[in-house]
C-alpha atoms as a PDB file:
ATOM      1  CA  MET A   1     -75.161  44.424 -91.198  1.00  0.00           C
ATOM      2  CA  ALA A   2     -73.836  46.782 -93.523  1.00  0.00           C
ATOM      3  CA  PHE A   3     -71.468  45.130 -96.417  1.00  0.00           C
ATOM      4  CA  TYR A   4     -68.549  45.898 -97.580  1.00  0.00           C
ATOM      5  CA  PRO A   5     -66.858  44.980-101.486  1.00  0.00           C
ATOM      6  CA  GLN A   6     -63.844  46.635-101.123  1.00  0.00           C
ATOM      7  CA  SER A   7     -60.494  44.549-100.616  1.00  0.00           C
ATOM      8  CA  GLY A   8     -57.785  46.227 -97.702  1.00  0.00           C
ATOM      9  CA  ALA A   9     -55.859  47.626-101.483  1.00  0.00           C
ATOM     10  CA  GLU A  10     -58.862  49.433-102.905  1.00  0.00           C
ATOM     11  CA  ARG A  11     -59.475  51.302 -99.843  1.00  0.00           C
ATOM     12  CA  ILE A  12     -55.745  52.990 -99.481  1.00  0.00           C
ATOM     13  CA  THR A  13     -54.826  55.507-101.288  1.00  0.00           C
ATOM     14  CA  PHE A  14     -51.404  56.779-101.575  1.00  0.00           C
ATOM     15  CA  LEU A  15     -50.142  59.885-101.375  1.00  0.00           C
ATOM     16  CA  LYS A  16     -47.666  61.599-104.078  1.00  0.00           C
ATOM     17  CA  SER A  17     -44.933  63.292-100.916  1.00  0.00           C
ATOM     18  CA  ASP A  18     -42.960  64.966-103.129  1.00  0.00           C
ATOM     19  CA  ASN A  19     -45.038  68.132-104.582  1.00  0.00           C
ATOM     20  CA  PHE A  20     -46.027  70.312-101.097  1.00  0.00           C
ATOM     21  CA  ASP A  21     -48.302  71.937-102.691  1.00  0.00           C
ATOM     22  CA  GLU A  22     -50.227  69.611-104.527  1.00  0.00           C
ATOM     23  CA  LEU A  23     -49.791  67.387-101.123  1.00  0.00           C
ATOM     24  CA  SER A  24     -51.806  69.443 -98.338  1.00  0.00           C
ATOM     25  CA  LYS A  25     -54.817  70.668-100.658  1.00  0.00           C
ATOM     26  CA  LYS A  26     -55.178  66.445-101.478  1.00  0.00           C
ATOM     27  CA  LEU A  27     -55.107  66.001 -97.305  1.00  0.00           C
ATOM     28  CA  ALA A  28     -57.777  69.241 -96.745  1.00  0.00           C
ATOM     29  CA  LYS A  29     -60.506  67.631 -98.561  1.00  0.00           C
ATOM     30  CA  ALA A  30     -59.789  64.282 -97.237  1.00  0.00           C
ATOM     31  CA  PHE A  31     -59.905  66.056 -94.064  1.00  0.00           C
ATOM     32  CA  GLY A  32     -62.694  64.477 -91.634  1.00  0.00           C
ATOM     33  CA  LYS A  33     -63.595  61.475 -95.013  1.00  0.00           C
ATOM     34  CA  LYS A  34     -61.053  59.390 -94.061  1.00  0.00           C
ATOM     35  CA  MET A  35     -58.010  58.036 -91.787  1.00  0.00           C
ATOM     36  CA  ILE A  36     -54.320  60.513 -93.380  1.00  0.00           C
ATOM     37  CA  ASN A  37     -51.040  58.417 -92.422  1.00  0.00           C
ATOM     38  CA  ILE A  38     -48.338  60.693 -92.668  1.00  0.00           C
ATOM     39  CA  TYR A  39     -45.016  59.177 -92.574  1.00  0.00           C
ATOM     40  CA  GLY A  40     -41.607  62.033 -91.992  1.00  0.00           C
ATOM     41  CA  GLU A  41     -39.437  64.233 -90.695  1.00  0.00           C
ATOM     42  CA  CYS A  42     -40.760  66.448 -88.332  1.00  0.00           C
ATOM     43  CA  GLN A  43     -40.902  69.297 -85.500  1.00  0.00           C
ATOM     44  CA  ALA A  44     -44.588  70.441 -84.146  1.00  0.00           C
ATOM     45  CA  SER A  45     -45.065  73.107 -81.228  1.00  0.00           C
ATOM     46  CA  PHE A  46     -48.206  73.514 -78.890  1.00  0.00           C
ATOM     47  CA  ASP A  47     -48.691  77.064 -78.417  1.00  0.00           C
ATOM     48  CA  GLY A  48     -52.075  77.773 -75.465  1.00  0.00           C
ATOM     49  CA  ARG A  49     -51.901  77.336 -70.966  1.00  0.00           C
ATOM     50  CA  ILE A  50     -49.142  74.974 -71.679  1.00  0.00           C
ATOM     51  CA  LYS A  51     -46.079  75.369 -73.746  1.00  0.00           C
ATOM     52  CA  SER A  52     -44.492  72.727 -75.597  1.00  0.00           C
ATOM     53  CA  PHE A  53     -41.697  72.147 -78.684  1.00  0.00           C
ATOM     54  CA  ILE A  54     -40.610  68.893 -79.650  1.00  0.00           C
ATOM     55  CA  PRO A  55     -37.221  69.154 -82.228  1.00  0.00           C
ATOM     56  CA  TRP A  56     -37.344  67.016 -85.823  1.00  0.00           C
ATOM     57  CA  GLY A  57     -37.907  63.856 -85.785  1.00  0.00           C
ATOM     58  CA  HIS A  58     -38.703  60.942 -87.304  1.00  0.00           C
ATOM     59  CA  ARG A  59     -42.378  60.379 -86.575  1.00  0.00           C
ATOM     60  CA  VAL A  60     -45.952  59.262 -88.086  1.00  0.00           C
ATOM     61  CA  ILE A  61     -48.964  61.693 -87.793  1.00  0.00           C
ATOM     62  CA  ILE A  62     -53.082  60.160 -87.580  1.00  0.00           C
ATOM     63  CA  LEU A  63     -55.581  62.408 -88.440  1.00  0.00           C
ATOM     64  CA  LYS A  64     -58.665  59.793 -88.427  1.00  0.00           C
ATOM     65  CA  LYS A  65     -61.863  60.847 -89.473  1.00  0.00           C
ATOM     66  CA  ASP A  66     -63.284  62.131 -86.316  1.00  0.00           C
ATOM     67  CA  GLY A  67     -60.830  65.243 -86.099  1.00  0.00           C
ATOM     68  CA  SER A  68     -58.070  63.918 -83.927  1.00  0.00           C
ATOM     69  CA  PHE A  69     -54.687  64.033 -84.142  1.00  0.00           C
ATOM     70  CA  LEU A  70     -52.280  61.386 -83.016  1.00  0.00           C
ATOM     71  CA  MET A  71     -48.970  61.916 -83.561  1.00  0.00           C
ATOM     72  CA  HIS A  72     -46.152  59.078 -82.785  1.00  0.00           C
ATOM     73  CA  SER A  73     -42.283  58.286 -82.417  1.00  0.00           C
ATOM     74  CA  THR A  74     -40.594  55.556 -82.739  1.00  0.00           C
ATOM     75  CA  GLU A  75     -40.387  54.233 -79.728  1.00  0.00           C
ATOM     76  CA  GLY A  76     -43.501  53.996 -76.967  1.00  0.00           C
ATOM     77  CA  VAL A  77     -47.239  53.221 -76.975  1.00  0.00           C
ATOM     78  CA  LYS A  78     -48.678  56.726 -75.972  1.00  0.00           C
ATOM     79  CA  PRO A  79     -48.994  60.429 -79.211  1.00  0.00           C
ATOM     80  CA  VAL A  80     -46.505  61.976 -77.998  1.00  0.00           C
ATOM     81  CA  ASN A  81     -48.463  64.526 -78.756  1.00  0.00           C
ATOM     82  CA  TRP A  82     -52.154  65.112 -80.012  1.00  0.00           C
ATOM     83  CA  GLN A  83     -55.017  66.789 -80.363  1.00  0.00           C
ATOM     84  CA  LEU A  84     -58.533  65.475 -78.994  1.00  0.00           C
ATOM     85  CA  PRO A  85     -62.034  64.295 -81.682  1.00  0.00           C
ATOM     86  CA  GLY A  86     -63.032  67.953 -83.016  1.00  0.00           C
ATOM     87  CA  ALA A  87     -61.488  70.444 -80.043  1.00  0.00           C
ATOM     88  CA  GLY A  88     -60.735  72.753 -83.418  1.00  0.00           C
ATOM     89  CA  GLU A  89     -59.788  73.799 -86.807  1.00  0.00           C
ATOM     90  CA  PHE A  90     -57.154  72.397 -88.851  1.00  0.00           C
ATOM     91  CA  SER A  91     -55.405  73.464 -91.783  1.00  0.00           C
ATOM     92  CA  PHE A  92     -52.961  72.399 -94.180  1.00  0.00           C
ATOM     93  CA  SER A  93     -50.340  74.773 -96.692  1.00  0.00           C
ATOM     94  CA  VAL A  94     -47.208  75.357 -96.732  1.00  0.00           C
ATOM     95  CA  GLU A  95     -44.408  77.399 -95.901  1.00  0.00           C
ATOM     96  CA  ASP A  96     -41.030  77.844 -96.352  1.00  0.00           C
ATOM     97  CA  ASP A  97     -40.563  74.469 -98.429  1.00  0.00           C
ATOM     98  CA  GLN A  98     -41.732  72.516 -95.336  1.00  0.00           C
ATOM     99  CA  LEU A  99     -46.100  70.745 -95.165  1.00  0.00           C
ATOM    100  CA  LYS A 100     -47.824  72.329 -92.841  1.00  0.00           C
ATOM    101  CA  ILE A 101     -50.279  70.635 -90.762  1.00  0.00           C
ATOM    102  CA  TYR A 102     -52.229  74.093 -87.881  1.00  0.00           C
ATOM    103  CA  THR A 103     -54.891  73.509 -85.711  1.00  0.00           C
ATOM    104  CA  LEU A 104     -57.041  75.765 -83.118  1.00  0.00           C
ATOM    105  CA  ARG A 105     -59.075  75.333 -80.461  1.00  0.00           C
ATOM    106  CA  THR A 106     -61.523  76.718 -81.267  1.00  0.00           C
ATOM    107  CA  LYS A 107     -62.957  77.522 -77.855  1.00  0.00           C
ATOM    108  CA  THR A 108     -58.448  78.172 -76.272  1.00  0.00           C
ATOM    109  CA  LYS A 109     -57.691  80.165 -79.459  1.00  0.00           C
ATOM    110  CA  GLU A 110     -55.062  77.419 -78.540  1.00  0.00           C
ATOM    111  CA  THR A 111     -53.027  76.428 -81.247  1.00  0.00           C
ATOM    112  CA  MET A 112     -50.452  73.498 -82.965  1.00  0.00           C
ATOM    113  CA  THR A 113     -48.485  73.517 -84.961  1.00  0.00           C
ATOM    114  CA  THR A 114     -46.623  71.266 -87.042  1.00  0.00           C
ATOM    115  CA  HIS A 115     -43.904  71.418 -90.433  1.00  0.00           C
ATOM    116  CA  PHE A 116     -42.777  68.729 -92.070  1.00  0.00           C
ATOM    117  CA  ARG A 117     -39.525  69.122 -94.001  1.00  0.00           C
ATOM    118  CA  ALA A 118     -39.599  65.251 -95.318  1.00  0.00           C
ATOM    119  CA  ILE A 119     -42.154  63.350 -96.065  1.00  0.00           C
ATOM    120  CA  HIS A 120     -41.206  59.363 -96.775  1.00  0.00           C
ATOM    121  CA  LEU A 121     -45.152  57.449 -96.704  1.00  0.00           C
ATOM    122  CA  VAL A 122     -48.642  59.678 -96.984  1.00  0.00           C
ATOM    123  CA  PHE A 123     -51.880  57.369 -97.711  1.00  0.00           C
ATOM    124  CA  LEU A 124     -55.979  57.469 -97.170  1.00  0.00           C
ATOM    125  CA  TYR A 125     -56.873  54.804 -95.553  1.00  0.00           C
ATOM    126  CA  ASP A 126     -61.184  54.404 -96.565  1.00  0.00           C
ATOM    127  CA  ALA A 127     -62.077  52.811 -92.497  1.00  0.00           C
ATOM    128  CA  TYR A 128     -64.874  52.264 -91.556  1.00  0.00           C
ATOM    129  CA  ASP A 129     -65.011  50.620 -87.621  1.00  0.00           C
ATOM    130  CA  HIS A 130     -68.475  49.905 -86.518  1.00  0.00           C
ATOM    131  CA  GLY A 131     -67.630  47.965 -83.809  1.00  0.00           C
ATOM    132  CA  THR A 132     -67.822  49.163 -80.323  1.00  0.00           C
ATOM    133  CA  LEU A 133     -65.064  48.319 -76.848  1.00  0.00           C
ATOM    134  CA  ASN A 134     -66.757  46.044 -74.103  1.00  0.00           C
ATOM    135  CA  ILE A 135     -64.938  46.431 -70.972  1.00  0.00           C
ATOM    136  CA  TYR A 136     -65.063  43.174 -68.385  1.00  0.00           C
ATOM    137  CA  GLY A 137     -63.173  41.275 -66.090  1.00  0.00           C
ATOM    138  CA  SER A 138     -63.712  43.438 -62.686  1.00  0.00           C
ATOM    139  CA  GLU A 139     -63.404  41.946 -59.844  1.00  0.00           C
ATOM    140  CA  ALA A 140     -67.193  41.389 -60.203  1.00  0.00           C
ATOM    141  CA  ASP A 141     -66.950  39.780 -62.626  1.00  0.00           C
ATOM    142  CA  LEU A 142     -65.023  37.353 -61.202  1.00  0.00           C
ATOM    143  CA  VAL A 143     -66.798  36.800 -58.667  1.00  0.00           C
ATOM    144  CA  LYS A 144     -69.249  35.982 -60.926  1.00  0.00           C
ATOM    145  CA  TYR A 145     -67.401  32.859 -62.800  1.00  0.00           C
ATOM    146  CA  LEU A 146     -66.297  32.028 -60.060  1.00  0.00           C
ATOM    147  CA  THR A 147     -70.151  31.313 -58.693  1.00  0.00           C
ATOM    148  CA  ASP A 148     -70.743  29.580 -62.072  1.00  0.00           C
ATOM    149  CA  HIS A 149     -67.713  27.462 -61.343  1.00  0.00           C
ATOM    150  CA  PRO A 150     -67.288  26.078 -57.464  1.00  0.00           C
ATOM    151  CA  GLY A 151     -65.429  23.492 -58.439  1.00  0.00           C
ATOM    152  CA  LEU A 152     -62.269  25.967 -59.547  1.00  0.00           C
ATOM    153  CA  ILE A 153     -62.116  26.373 -55.177  1.00  0.00           C
ATOM    154  CA  ASP A 154     -63.080  23.759 -53.998  1.00  0.00           C
ATOM    155  CA  GLU A 155     -64.209  20.857 -55.262  1.00  0.00           C
ATOM    156  CA  THR A 156     -67.445  20.274 -52.543  1.00  0.00           C
ATOM    157  CA  LEU A 157     -67.816  23.976 -51.953  1.00  0.00           C
ATOM    158  CA  GLN A 158     -71.506  25.623 -52.257  1.00  0.00           C
ATOM    159  CA  ILE A 159     -72.095  28.656 -52.200  1.00  0.00           C
ATOM    160  CA  THR A 160     -74.761  30.110 -50.812  1.00  0.00           C
ATOM    161  CA  GLN A 161     -74.550  34.738 -51.002  1.00  0.00           C
ATOM    162  CA  THR A 162     -71.572  36.872 -52.310  1.00  0.00           C
ATOM    163  CA  GLU A 163     -70.800  40.194 -50.987  1.00  0.00           C
ATOM    164  CA  TYR A 164     -71.426  38.607 -47.862  1.00  0.00           C
ATOM    165  CA  GLU A 165     -72.102  41.859 -44.973  1.00  0.00           C
ATOM    166  CA  THR A 166     -69.675  41.265 -42.030  1.00  0.00           C
ATOM    167  CA  PRO A 167     -67.976  44.260 -39.044  1.00  0.00           C
ATOM    168  CA  VAL A 168     -64.367  44.286 -41.407  1.00  0.00           C
ATOM    169  CA  GLY A 169     -66.042  44.615 -44.378  1.00  0.00           C
ATOM    170  CA  PHE A 170     -67.520  42.579 -47.461  1.00  0.00           C
ATOM    171  CA  ILE A 171     -66.685  38.900 -48.187  1.00  0.00           C
ATOM    172  CA  ASP A 172     -66.969  38.341 -52.010  1.00  0.00           C
ATOM    173  CA  ILE A 173     -67.711  34.902 -51.702  1.00  0.00           C
ATOM    174  CA  ARG A 174     -69.574  32.510 -48.278  1.00  0.00           C
ATOM    175  CA  GLY A 175     -69.697  29.119 -48.807  1.00  0.00           C
ATOM    176  CA  VAL A 176     -70.550  25.509 -47.523  1.00  0.00           C
ATOM    177  CA  ASN A 177     -68.791  22.980 -48.201  1.00  0.00           C
ATOM    178  CA  SER A 178     -69.297  18.258 -48.516  1.00  0.00           C
ATOM    179  CA  LYS A 179     -68.452  18.398 -43.799  1.00  0.00           C
ATOM    180  CA  GLY A 180     -71.027  21.295 -43.293  1.00  0.00           C
ATOM    181  CA  GLU A 181     -67.460  23.276 -42.159  1.00  0.00           C
ATOM    182  CA  THR A 182     -68.191  27.050 -43.754  1.00  0.00           C
ATOM    183  CA  ILE A 183     -65.770  28.500 -46.477  1.00  0.00           C
ATOM    184  CA  ILE A 184     -65.448  32.235 -47.223  1.00  0.00           C
ATOM    185  CA  VAL A 185     -63.139  33.853 -49.863  1.00  0.00           C
ATOM    186  CA  GLU A 186     -61.772  37.093 -51.205  1.00  0.00           C
ATOM    187  CA  VAL A 187     -61.293  37.711 -54.812  1.00  0.00           C
ATOM    188  CA  LYS A 188     -58.401  39.982 -56.304  1.00  0.00           C
ATOM    189  CA  LYS A 189     -58.134  40.643 -59.857  1.00  0.00           C
ATOM    190  CA  ARG A 190     -54.702  41.692 -60.124  1.00  0.00           C
ATOM    191  CA  ALA A 191     -51.155  39.226 -57.663  1.00  0.00           C
ATOM    192  CA  ALA A 192     -52.011  38.625 -53.881  1.00  0.00           C
ATOM    193  CA  THR A 193     -50.443  41.396 -51.309  1.00  0.00           C
ATOM    194  CA  PRO A 194     -49.652  40.561 -48.572  1.00  0.00           C
ATOM    195  CA  GLU A 195     -52.064  43.017 -46.862  1.00  0.00           C
ATOM    196  CA  ASP A 196     -54.729  40.720 -49.004  1.00  0.00           C
ATOM    197  CA  GLY A 197     -54.295  37.340 -46.551  1.00  0.00           C
ATOM    198  CA  HIS A 198     -53.723  39.819 -43.491  1.00  0.00           C
ATOM    199  CA  GLN A 199     -57.370  40.783 -44.776  1.00  0.00           C
ATOM    200  CA  LEU A 200     -58.909  37.421 -45.908  1.00  0.00           C
ATOM    201  CA  LYS A 201     -57.308  36.802 -41.636  1.00  0.00           C
ATOM    202  CA  ARG A 202     -59.199  39.545 -40.449  1.00  0.00           C
ATOM    203  CA  TYR A 203     -62.036  38.220 -41.544  1.00  0.00           C
ATOM    204  CA  VAL A 204     -61.889  34.649 -41.121  1.00  0.00           C
ATOM    205  CA  GLU A 205     -61.223  35.642 -37.380  1.00  0.00           C
ATOM    206  CA  SER A 206     -64.173  37.729 -36.974  1.00  0.00           C
ATOM    207  CA  LEU A 207     -66.735  35.462 -38.163  1.00  0.00           C
ATOM    208  CA  GLU A 208     -65.210  32.793 -35.249  1.00  0.00           C
ATOM    209  CA  GLU A 209     -65.340  35.170 -33.395  1.00  0.00           C
ATOM    210  CA  LYS A 210     -69.720  35.352 -34.593  1.00  0.00           C
ATOM    211  CA  ASP A 211     -70.016  32.060 -35.229  1.00  0.00           C
ATOM    212  CA  GLY A 212     -68.132  29.547 -33.311  1.00  0.00           C
ATOM    213  CA  GLN A 213     -67.102  27.383 -35.414  1.00  0.00           C
ATOM    214  CA  LYS A 214     -64.391  26.778 -38.018  1.00  0.00           C
ATOM    215  CA  ILE A 215     -64.494  28.836 -40.812  1.00  0.00           C
ATOM    216  CA  TRP A 216     -61.301  28.099 -44.223  1.00  0.00           C
ATOM    217  CA  GLY A 217     -60.426  31.634 -45.709  1.00  0.00           C
ATOM    218  CA  TYR A 218     -59.572  31.203 -49.897  1.00  0.00           C
ATOM    219  CA  LEU A 219     -57.291  34.025 -51.217  1.00  0.00           C
ATOM    220  CA  VAL A 220     -57.643  33.008 -55.562  1.00  0.00           C
ATOM    221  CA  ALA A 221     -55.162  36.286 -57.692  1.00  0.00           C
ATOM    222  CA  PRO A 222     -53.282  35.167 -60.669  1.00  0.00           C
ATOM    223  CA  SER A 223     -50.377  34.608 -58.856  1.00  0.00           C
ATOM    224  CA  PHE A 224     -48.811  34.416 -55.047  1.00  0.00           C
ATOM    225  CA  PRO A 225     -45.085  35.968 -53.997  1.00  0.00           C
ATOM    226  CA  SER A 226     -43.175  33.384 -51.745  1.00  0.00           C
ATOM    227  CA  LYS A 227     -44.067  35.527 -48.932  1.00  0.00           C
ATOM    228  CA  VAL A 228     -47.815  35.907 -49.507  1.00  0.00           C
ATOM    229  CA  ARG A 229     -48.190  31.836 -49.355  1.00  0.00           C
ATOM    230  CA  ASN A 230     -45.575  31.514 -46.563  1.00  0.00           C
ATOM    231  CA  TYR A 231     -48.208  33.776 -44.618  1.00  0.00           C
ATOM    232  CA  LEU A 232     -51.523  32.437 -45.532  1.00  0.00           C
ATOM    233  CA  SER A 233     -50.032  28.477 -45.004  1.00  0.00           C
ATOM    234  CA  GLU A 234     -48.611  30.402 -41.419  1.00  0.00           C
ATOM    235  CA  ASN A 235     -52.243  30.689 -40.911  1.00  0.00           C
ATOM    236  CA  ASN A 236     -53.652  27.651 -41.981  1.00  0.00           C
ATOM    237  CA  LEU A 237     -55.728  29.769 -44.769  1.00  0.00           C
ATOM    238  CA  LYS A 238     -55.540  28.693 -48.314  1.00  0.00           C
ATOM    239  CA  ALA A 239     -54.500  29.758 -51.244  1.00  0.00           C
ATOM    240  CA  VAL A 240     -56.296  29.190 -55.692  1.00  0.00           C
ATOM    241  CA  GLU A 241     -53.799  30.961 -58.372  1.00  0.00           C
ATOM    242  CA  ILE A 242     -55.824  30.673 -60.774  1.00  0.00           C
ATOM    243  CA  PRO A 243     -54.823  32.927 -64.292  1.00  0.00           C
ATOM    244  CA  TRP A 244     -57.472  35.387 -64.825  1.00  0.00           C
ATOM    245  CA  GLU A 245     -55.345  36.290 -68.656  1.00  0.00           C
ATOM    246  CA  GLU A 246     -56.532  33.983 -69.919  1.00  0.00           C
ATOM    247  CA  ILE A 247     -60.238  33.695 -68.803  1.00  0.00           C
ATOM    248  CA  PHE A 248     -60.759  37.456 -69.707  1.00  0.00           C
ATOM    249  CA  PRO A 249     -58.009  39.024 -71.623  1.00  0.00           C
ATOM    250  CA  THR A 250     -57.457  42.718 -70.016  1.00  0.00           C
ATOM    251  CA  VAL A 251     -58.338  46.258 -71.812  1.00  0.00           C
ATOM    252  CA  THR A 252     -56.943  49.271 -70.477  1.00  0.00           C
ATOM    253  CA  LYS A 253     -59.255  51.749 -69.777  1.00  0.00           C
ATOM    254  CA  PRO A 254     -58.312  55.399 -70.899  1.00  0.00           C
ATOM    255  CA  THR A 255     -56.748  57.036 -68.027  1.00  0.00           C
ATOM    256  CA  THR A 256     -57.072  60.297 -67.604  1.00  0.00           C
ATOM    257  CA  THR A 257     -54.759  63.515 -68.083  1.00  0.00           C
ATOM    258  CA  LEU A 258     -54.224  67.219 -67.745  1.00  0.00           C
ATOM    259  CA  ASP A 259     -55.521  67.698 -71.565  1.00  0.00           C
ATOM    260  CA  ASP A 260     -58.611  66.612 -70.179  1.00  0.00           C
ATOM    261  CA  PHE A 261     -58.843  69.503 -67.809  1.00  0.00           C
ATOM    262  CA  LEU A 262     -58.035  71.942 -70.550  1.00  0.00           C
ATOM    263  CA  GLU A 263     -61.058  71.329 -73.096  1.00  0.00           C
END
């Protein structure tokens, strides 16, 4: 394991923001080696197959060591403008008494230009991060968790199969209770819907017709709207509420955007 003796304060270098000529040179030298954070008033334009422009406003720019460019406004979690890592060249200069950050996408020859007419704070962050993101908590993980903790569904449940195939689809969990009665379980990661109840009812009816015996159906979800609870109760099906967020904290997976296809 690597050892990093510097404290957080020692890793941060504040740069003077009143001399754009000197600042542009220091930013160019730090780019790709340290994280760059710039707070100020800027405008930006993108010129290519898609054209965009954002007028003057107070924003924060984050330039990461891999060449990622993120421009955040005062609201929202997503950047209002960005550049993918390694997408192109960066340059820092002064133009018309403004700090200019210019990027060129080498593959598509598209450009993004950002002008700062006022900078309130700029610092370099000598950051490191050797961790990797592990995403878990899919419905398959939930089923695995329940096979290890069957008592959450029914105190006497003994699980015999998972992903049990029927003519109308795959049942997440099949087992028996202490009376030898068959229990089937449908597992949902998000709030239960009426369609989930209909789906479970089809599974129960299909197995009852096939096996000729009573089948107990359970629907597992983190929450149940009253409409769904009523439907389950009317059809002799059971609702089991499990707060999955407390067991598997949600990690949002990156989504595909139009920008991905422009690469």
